[in-house]
Amino acid sequence: MRIVQSLVTLCLCLLASACSTAWEPQYGPVPQTAAANQGNTVRVVMKGGAAVELKNMRVVGDSIVGEIGTPPQRHAVATADVEVISVGKVKGQSEFATTVLTAGAVTIVGILASVWLFWKIIDDI
């Protein structure tokens, strides 16, 4: 049973690592940078050092507006108060390649667990 728990833990770790996000800072004037990334999930760092993650970000007048929290709530910050806008990127490769690699790794672990279980049953007979 301990081996099964270890395999399940390994599979969950592989899935979690495939979902990790790196934040890539975008340089340039804040209004133009925000306008170029509308609709994305961004991390906005304010001049005081506070950071907020906005989903479905868009520019409305002189503000950057997005959604935060669960359930989503509207949140706005003034572009004059923003120091850096960072866009979320999946680390390493495209989302499709990461999904395929993770599914392949989970499949291999499942096959190995099946073979181990088969040999365990054969030994008990």
Protein backbone atom coordinates (compact mmCIF):
# COMPACT_ATOMS: atom_id res chain seq x y z
CA MET A 1 0.00 0.00 0.00
CA ARG A 2 2.92 2.30 0.73
CA ILE A 3 4.16 2.04 -2.87
CA VAL A 4 0.72 3.06 -4.16
CA GLN A 5 0.73 6.14 -1.94
CA SER A 6 4.18 7.04 -3.21
CA LEU A 7 3.06 6.67 -6.82
CA VAL A 8 -0.04 8.79 -6.24
CA THR A 9 2.11 11.47 -4.60
CA LEU A 10 4.51 11.40 -7.55
CA CYS A 11 1.63 11.79 -10.02
CA LEU A 12 0.20 14.74 -8.11
CA CYS A 13 3.63 16.39 -7.99
CA LEU A 14 4.02 15.96 -11.75
CA LEU A 15 0.62 17.53 -12.35
CA ALA A 16 1.39 20.43 -10.02
CA SER A 17 4.75 21.12 -11.65
CA ALA A 18 3.12 21.24 -15.07
CA CYS A 19 0.83 24.02 -13.86
CA SER A 20 3.50 26.32 -12.44
CA THR A 21 3.51 29.89 -13.69
CA ALA A 22 6.43 32.25 -14.17
CA TRP A 23 5.81 35.99 -14.17
CA GLU A 24 7.46 37.82 -17.06
CA PRO A 25 7.79 41.59 -16.47
CA GLN A 26 6.66 43.82 -19.31
CA TYR A 27 8.63 47.03 -19.78
CA GLY A 28 7.42 50.28 -21.27
CA PRO A 29 4.82 52.89 -20.44
CA VAL A 30 2.19 51.36 -18.17
CA PRO A 31 -0.92 52.33 -20.20
CA GLN A 32 0.51 50.87 -23.43
CA THR A 33 1.83 47.75 -21.69
CA ALA A 34 -1.54 47.16 -20.05
CA ALA A 35 -3.39 47.74 -23.33
CA ALA A 36 -1.15 45.20 -25.10
CA ASN A 37 -2.00 42.52 -22.51
CA GLN A 38 -5.76 43.03 -22.18
CA GLY A 39 -7.70 39.88 -21.31
CA ASN A 40 -4.69 38.16 -19.72
CA THR A 41 -3.95 37.36 -16.12
CA VAL A 42 -1.34 39.83 -14.90
CA ARG A 43 0.47 40.67 -11.68
CA VAL A 44 0.48 44.40 -11.04
CA VAL A 45 3.18 45.72 -8.69
CA MET A 46 2.37 49.08 -7.19
CA LYS A 47 4.91 51.82 -6.42
CA GLY A 48 4.60 51.06 -2.68
CA GLY A 49 5.61 47.43 -3.32
CA ALA A 50 2.17 45.82 -2.96
CA ALA A 51 1.23 43.33 -5.67
CA VAL A 52 -2.16 42.21 -6.93
CA GLU A 53 -3.03 39.51 -9.46
CA LEU A 54 -5.75 40.59 -11.88
CA LYS A 55 -7.63 38.18 -14.13
CA ASN A 56 -9.22 39.38 -17.39
CA MET A 57 -7.33 42.66 -17.08
CA ARG A 58 -8.35 45.60 -19.26
CA VAL A 59 -7.69 49.34 -19.44
CA VAL A 60 -10.59 51.65 -18.65
CA GLY A 61 -9.71 55.33 -18.88
CA ASP A 62 -6.71 55.93 -16.62
CA SER A 63 -7.25 52.72 -14.61
CA ILE A 64 -6.37 49.06 -14.93
CA VAL A 65 -9.42 46.94 -14.12
CA GLY A 66 -9.63 43.20 -13.52
CA GLU A 67 -11.05 40.51 -11.29
CA ILE A 68 -9.61 39.18 -8.04
CA GLY A 69 -10.64 36.50 -5.57
CA THR A 70 -13.20 33.75 -5.51
CA PRO A 71 -15.93 34.57 -6.36
CA PRO A 72 -14.45 37.12 -8.78
CA GLN A 73 -14.79 40.72 -7.68
CA ARG A 74 -13.99 43.81 -9.74
CA HIS A 75 -10.76 45.56 -8.73
CA ALA A 76 -9.21 48.68 -10.22
CA VAL A 77 -5.87 50.45 -9.81
CA ALA A 78 -4.73 53.77 -11.23
CA THR A 79 -2.09 53.45 -13.96
CA ALA A 80 -0.13 56.25 -12.24
CA ASP A 81 0.31 54.00 -9.16
CA VAL A 82 1.63 51.00 -11.13
CA GLU A 83 5.35 50.29 -11.20
CA VAL A 84 5.53 46.98 -13.13
CA ILE A 85 3.08 44.74 -14.97
CA SER A 86 4.06 41.06 -15.21
CA VAL A 87 2.30 38.58 -17.50
CA GLY A 88 1.84 34.95 -16.42
CA LYS A 89 3.65 32.41 -18.59
CA VAL A 90 3.76 28.63 -18.18
CA LYS A 91 7.35 27.70 -17.38
CA GLY A 92 9.38 26.00 -20.04
CA GLN A 93 7.07 25.15 -22.91
CA SER A 94 3.65 25.53 -24.39
CA GLU A 95 0.59 24.39 -22.46
CA PHE A 96 -0.08 21.61 -24.97
CA ALA A 97 3.45 20.18 -24.69
CA THR A 98 3.30 20.35 -20.90
CA THR A 99 -0.05 18.55 -20.87
CA VAL A 100 1.22 15.80 -23.18
CA LEU A 101 4.42 15.31 -21.15
CA THR A 102 2.52 15.19 -17.87
CA ALA A 103 -0.04 12.72 -19.24
CA GLY A 104 2.81 10.57 -20.56
CA ALA A 105 4.62 10.60 -17.22
CA VAL A 106 1.43 9.69 -15.35
CA THR A 107 0.77 6.87 -17.84
CA ILE A 108 4.28 5.47 -17.39
CA VAL A 109 3.92 5.57 -13.60
CA GLY A 110 0.55 3.81 -13.93
CA ILE A 111 2.04 1.09 -16.12
CA LEU A 112 4.92 0.56 -13.70
CA ALA A 113 2.47 0.34 -10.79
CA SER A 114 0.38 -2.22 -12.71
CA VAL A 115 3.45 -4.36 -13.47
CA TRP A 116 4.56 -4.19 -9.84
CA LEU A 117 1.06 -5.16 -8.66
CA PHE A 118 0.93 -8.03 -11.18
CA TRP A 119 4.25 -9.43 -9.90
CA LYS A 120 3.10 -9.01 -6.30
CA ILE A 121 -0.06 -11.05 -7.04
CA ILE A 122 1.94 -13.73 -8.90
CA ASP A 123 4.34 -14.05 -5.93
CA ASP A 124 1.42 -14.52 -3.52
CA ILE A 125 -0.03 -17.41 -5.57
